[in-house]
C-alpha atoms as a PDB file:
ATOM      1  CA  UNK A   1     -70.159 274.984 205.611  1.00  0.00           C
ATOM      2  CA  UNK A   2     -69.976 276.512 202.150  1.00  0.00           C
ATOM      3  CA  UNK A   3     -66.690 277.637 200.702  1.00  0.00           C
ATOM      4  CA  UNK A   4     -65.728 280.622 198.592  1.00  0.00           C
ATOM      5  CA  UNK A   5     -62.053 280.639 197.735  1.00  0.00           C
ATOM      6  CA  UNK A   6     -60.448 283.546 196.052  1.00  0.00           C
ATOM      7  CA  UNK A   7     -57.927 282.597 193.457  1.00  0.00           C
ATOM      8  CA  UNK A   8     -54.242 283.245 192.902  1.00  0.00           C
ATOM      9  CA  UNK A   9     -52.847 286.630 192.382  1.00  0.00           C
ATOM     10  CA  UNK A  10     -50.999 287.030 189.177  1.00  0.00           C
ATOM     11  CA  UNK A  11     -47.958 285.485 190.852  1.00  0.00           C
ATOM     12  CA  UNK A  12     -48.344 287.754 193.822  1.00  0.00           C
ATOM     13  CA  UNK A  13     -50.949 287.743 196.528  1.00  0.00           C
ATOM     14  CA  UNK A  14     -53.587 285.065 196.939  1.00  0.00           C
ATOM     15  CA  UNK A  15     -56.908 285.606 198.704  1.00  0.00           C
ATOM     16  CA  UNK A  16     -59.263 282.877 199.716  1.00  0.00           C
ATOM     17  CA  UNK A  17     -62.567 283.231 201.457  1.00  0.00           C
ATOM     18  CA  UNK A  18     -64.238 280.488 203.436  1.00  0.00           C
ATOM     19  CA  UNK A  19     -67.762 281.151 204.578  1.00  0.00           C
ATOM     20  CA  UNK A  20     -67.843 280.341 208.298  1.00  0.00           C
ATOM     21  CA  UNK A  21     -71.603 280.630 208.436  1.00  0.00           C
ATOM     22  CA  UNK A  22     -74.239 282.198 206.241  1.00  0.00           C
ATOM     23  CA  UNK A  23     -73.177 285.600 207.533  1.00  0.00           C
ATOM     24  CA  UNK A  24     -69.409 285.646 208.104  1.00  0.00           C
ATOM     25  CA  UNK A  25     -66.293 284.770 206.100  1.00  0.00           C
ATOM     26  CA  UNK A  26     -62.709 283.726 206.610  1.00  0.00           C
ATOM     27  CA  UNK A  27     -60.142 285.196 204.206  1.00  0.00           C
ATOM     28  CA  UNK A  28     -56.807 283.566 203.508  1.00  0.00           C
ATOM     29  CA  UNK A  29     -54.288 286.007 202.074  1.00  0.00           C
ATOM     30  CA  UNK A  30     -51.211 284.365 200.569  1.00  0.00           C
ATOM     31  CA  UNK A  31     -48.084 285.841 199.034  1.00  0.00           C
ATOM     32  CA  UNK A  32     -47.379 284.126 195.710  1.00  0.00           C
ATOM     33  CA  UNK A  33     -44.550 286.578 194.915  1.00  0.00           C
ATOM     34  CA  UNK A  34     -40.841 285.987 194.997  1.00  0.00           C
ATOM     35  CA  UNK A  35     -40.502 288.963 197.379  1.00  0.00           C
ATOM     36  CA  UNK A  36     -41.973 290.031 200.728  1.00  0.00           C
ATOM     37  CA  UNK A  37     -45.404 291.674 200.669  1.00  0.00           C
ATOM     38  CA  UNK A  38     -46.826 293.401 203.735  1.00  0.00           C
ATOM     39  CA  UNK A  39     -50.499 292.464 203.493  1.00  0.00           C
ATOM     40  CA  UNK A  40     -53.102 294.859 204.875  1.00  0.00           C
ATOM     41  CA  UNK A  41     -56.828 294.557 205.452  1.00  0.00           C
ATOM     42  CA  UNK A  42     -59.505 296.924 206.639  1.00  0.00           C
ATOM     43  CA  UNK A  43     -60.982 295.435 208.727  1.00  0.00           C
ATOM     44  CA  UNK A  44     -58.243 293.039 209.759  1.00  0.00           C
ATOM     45  CA  UNK A  45     -54.933 294.812 210.381  1.00  0.00           C
ATOM     46  CA  UNK A  46     -51.700 293.827 208.704  1.00  0.00           C
ATOM     47  CA  UNK A  47     -48.995 291.200 208.478  1.00  0.00           C
ATOM     48  CA  UNK A  48     -45.622 290.568 206.853  1.00  0.00           C
ATOM     49  CA  UNK A  49     -45.841 287.767 204.307  1.00  0.00           C
ATOM     50  CA  UNK A  50     -42.658 286.286 202.922  1.00  0.00           C
ATOM     51  CA  UNK A  51     -43.007 284.264 199.693  1.00  0.00           C
ATOM     52  CA  UNK A  52     -45.559 281.427 200.046  1.00  0.00           C
ATOM     53  CA  UNK A  53     -46.652 282.553 203.532  1.00  0.00           C
ATOM     54  CA  UNK A  54     -50.328 283.103 204.311  1.00  0.00           C
ATOM     55  CA  UNK A  55     -52.470 285.008 206.795  1.00  0.00           C
ATOM     56  CA  UNK A  56     -56.069 284.266 207.749  1.00  0.00           C
ATOM     57  CA  UNK A  57     -58.601 286.849 208.920  1.00  0.00           C
ATOM     58  CA  UNK A  58     -62.208 286.368 210.028  1.00  0.00           C
ATOM     59  CA  UNK A  59     -64.620 288.971 208.717  1.00  0.00           C
ATOM     60  CA  UNK A  60     -67.866 289.840 210.565  1.00  0.00           C
ATOM     61  CA  UNK A  61     -71.265 289.419 208.973  1.00  0.00           C
ATOM     62  CA  UNK A  62     -72.491 292.439 207.037  1.00  0.00           C
ATOM     63  CA  UNK A  63     -68.991 293.821 206.441  1.00  0.00           C
ATOM     64  CA  UNK A  64     -69.156 296.541 203.779  1.00  0.00           C
ATOM     65  CA  UNK A  65     -66.629 298.890 202.187  1.00  0.00           C
ATOM     66  CA  UNK A  66     -63.805 296.491 203.078  1.00  0.00           C
ATOM     67  CA  UNK A  67     -60.408 296.313 201.411  1.00  0.00           C
ATOM     68  CA  UNK A  68     -57.375 294.048 201.221  1.00  0.00           C
ATOM     69  CA  UNK A  69     -54.149 295.291 199.665  1.00  0.00           C
ATOM     70  CA  UNK A  70     -50.441 294.634 199.537  1.00  0.00           C
ATOM     71  CA  UNK A  71     -47.805 297.041 200.779  1.00  0.00           C
ATOM     72  CA  UNK A  72     -44.240 297.085 199.483  1.00  0.00           C
ATOM     73  CA  UNK A  73     -40.807 298.034 200.799  1.00  0.00           C
ATOM     74  CA  UNK A  74     -41.895 298.289 204.430  1.00  0.00           C
ATOM     75  CA  UNK A  75     -39.789 298.679 207.548  1.00  0.00           C
ATOM     76  CA  UNK A  76     -41.387 298.385 211.009  1.00  0.00           C
ATOM     77  CA  UNK A  77     -39.872 298.450 214.486  1.00  0.00           C
ATOM     78  CA  UNK A  78     -40.743 296.012 217.296  1.00  0.00           C
ATOM     79  CA  UNK A  79     -43.769 298.133 218.273  1.00  0.00           C
ATOM     80  CA  UNK A  80     -45.250 297.912 214.745  1.00  0.00           C
ATOM     81  CA  UNK A  81     -44.446 301.483 213.721  1.00  0.00           C
ATOM     82  CA  UNK A  82     -42.680 302.306 210.493  1.00  0.00           C
ATOM     83  CA  UNK A  83     -43.353 303.093 206.847  1.00  0.00           C
ATOM     84  CA  UNK A  84     -44.125 301.432 203.511  1.00  0.00           C
ATOM     85  CA  UNK A  85     -43.167 302.790 200.110  1.00  0.00           C
ATOM     86  CA  UNK A  86     -46.600 301.839 198.696  1.00  0.00           C
ATOM     87  CA  UNK A  87     -49.919 301.225 200.449  1.00  0.00           C
ATOM     88  CA  UNK A  88     -48.780 302.650 203.807  1.00  0.00           C
ATOM     89  CA  UNK A  89     -51.523 303.020 206.413  1.00  0.00           C
ATOM     90  CA  UNK A  90     -50.502 305.688 208.868  1.00  0.00           C
ATOM     91  CA  UNK A  91     -47.094 304.173 209.564  1.00  0.00           C
ATOM     92  CA  UNK A  92     -48.644 301.147 211.320  1.00  0.00           C
ATOM     93  CA  UNK A  93     -48.147 297.427 210.727  1.00  0.00           C
ATOM     94  CA  UNK A  94     -51.704 296.833 212.037  1.00  0.00           C
ATOM     95  CA  UNK A  95     -53.750 299.020 209.690  1.00  0.00           C
ATOM     96  CA  UNK A  96     -56.727 300.798 211.201  1.00  0.00           C
ATOM     97  CA  UNK A  97     -57.787 302.610 208.029  1.00  0.00           C
ATOM     98  CA  UNK A  98     -57.103 302.488 204.302  1.00  0.00           C
ATOM     99  CA  UNK A  99     -53.734 302.585 202.582  1.00  0.00           C
ATOM    100  CA  UNK A 100     -52.150 305.564 200.894  1.00  0.00           C
ATOM    101  CA  UNK A 101     -52.019 305.357 197.078  1.00  0.00           C
ATOM    102  CA  UNK A 102     -50.639 303.799 195.065  1.00  0.00           C
ATOM    103  CA  UNK A 103     -52.116 300.450 196.090  1.00  0.00           C
ATOM    104  CA  UNK A 104     -53.996 297.774 194.162  1.00  0.00           C
ATOM    105  CA  UNK A 105     -57.219 296.987 196.032  1.00  0.00           C
ATOM    106  CA  UNK A 106     -59.355 293.903 196.513  1.00  0.00           C
ATOM    107  CA  UNK A 107     -62.692 295.345 197.663  1.00  0.00           C
ATOM    108  CA  UNK A 108     -65.639 293.403 199.059  1.00  0.00           C
ATOM    109  CA  UNK A 109     -68.971 293.663 200.861  1.00  0.00           C
ATOM    110  CA  UNK A 110     -70.703 290.669 202.477  1.00  0.00           C
ATOM    111  CA  UNK A 111     -74.405 289.927 202.895  1.00  0.00           C
ATOM    112  CA  UNK A 112     -75.594 293.087 201.194  1.00  0.00           C
ATOM    113  CA  UNK A 113     -78.616 293.603 198.913  1.00  0.00           C
ATOM    114  CA  UNK A 114     -80.563 290.344 198.663  1.00  0.00           C
ATOM    115  CA  UNK A 115     -77.960 288.666 200.922  1.00  0.00           C
ATOM    116  CA  UNK A 116     -75.439 288.813 198.064  1.00  0.00           C
ATOM    117  CA  UNK A 117     -71.685 289.277 198.363  1.00  0.00           C
ATOM    118  CA  UNK A 118     -69.810 291.719 196.120  1.00  0.00           C
ATOM    119  CA  UNK A 119     -66.110 291.896 195.238  1.00  0.00           C
ATOM    120  CA  UNK A 120     -63.795 293.544 192.729  1.00  0.00           C
ATOM    121  CA  UNK A 121     -60.226 294.519 191.987  1.00  0.00           C
ATOM    122  CA  UNK A 122     -59.848 298.273 191.884  1.00  0.00           C
ATOM    123  CA  UNK A 123     -57.115 300.526 190.568  1.00  0.00           C
ATOM    124  CA  UNK A 124     -58.896 303.661 191.777  1.00  0.00           C
ATOM    125  CA  UNK A 125     -55.972 304.221 194.181  1.00  0.00           C
ATOM    126  CA  UNK A 126     -53.327 303.322 191.591  1.00  0.00           C
ATOM    127  CA  UNK A 127     -51.332 300.123 191.035  1.00  0.00           C
ATOM    128  CA  UNK A 128     -48.507 298.659 193.100  1.00  0.00           C
ATOM    129  CA  UNK A 129     -48.778 294.848 192.742  1.00  0.00           C
ATOM    130  CA  UNK A 130     -50.556 292.446 190.391  1.00  0.00           C
ATOM    131  CA  UNK A 131     -53.569 290.768 191.993  1.00  0.00           C
ATOM    132  CA  UNK A 132     -56.327 288.302 191.150  1.00  0.00           C
ATOM    133  CA  UNK A 133     -59.465 288.060 193.270  1.00  0.00           C
ATOM    134  CA  UNK A 134     -62.027 285.503 192.128  1.00  0.00           C
ATOM    135  CA  UNK A 135     -64.398 283.136 193.931  1.00  0.00           C
ATOM    136  CA  UNK A 136     -64.478 279.386 193.952  1.00  0.00           C
ATOM    137  CA  UNK A 137     -67.090 277.171 195.506  1.00  0.00           C
ATOM    138  CA  UNK A 138     -66.467 273.656 196.779  1.00  0.00           C
ATOM    139  CA  UNK A 139     -63.136 273.452 194.997  1.00  0.00           C
ATOM    140  CA  UNK A 140     -64.394 274.680 191.584  1.00  0.00           C
ATOM    141  CA  UNK A 141     -62.559 277.739 190.374  1.00  0.00           C
ATOM    142  CA  UNK A 142     -64.867 280.239 188.691  1.00  0.00           C
ATOM    143  CA  UNK A 143     -62.400 282.679 187.200  1.00  0.00           C
END
């Protein structure tokens, strides 16, 4: 098993990716903030993360145009319906699409051209939380 870990978020959200096989990945999303962040992923859904909590999602092989972002100041009822001040995705805890700006984005595509993986931090939809998204391999941080 090879490992790709995504580094700490500028004292906010932490993403790590573990390659499950040559074609799929496991992301760990961790809140490094002193406040609650409502993490969201497309594909993947959403989850409340209190400080130092993490959430793991498995991503299918060939995933493209994927995003992970943090939502702030959210309030959801027991059925998972509600609203977030930033990054809201249709009033749902379990996101089915992309968030509403402003939201800082971690974007990625797996096993694309030449079987390469691509990732970036994007502010194309504005900024709501600081974020770092960088790979590591076998415990070596390559930031």
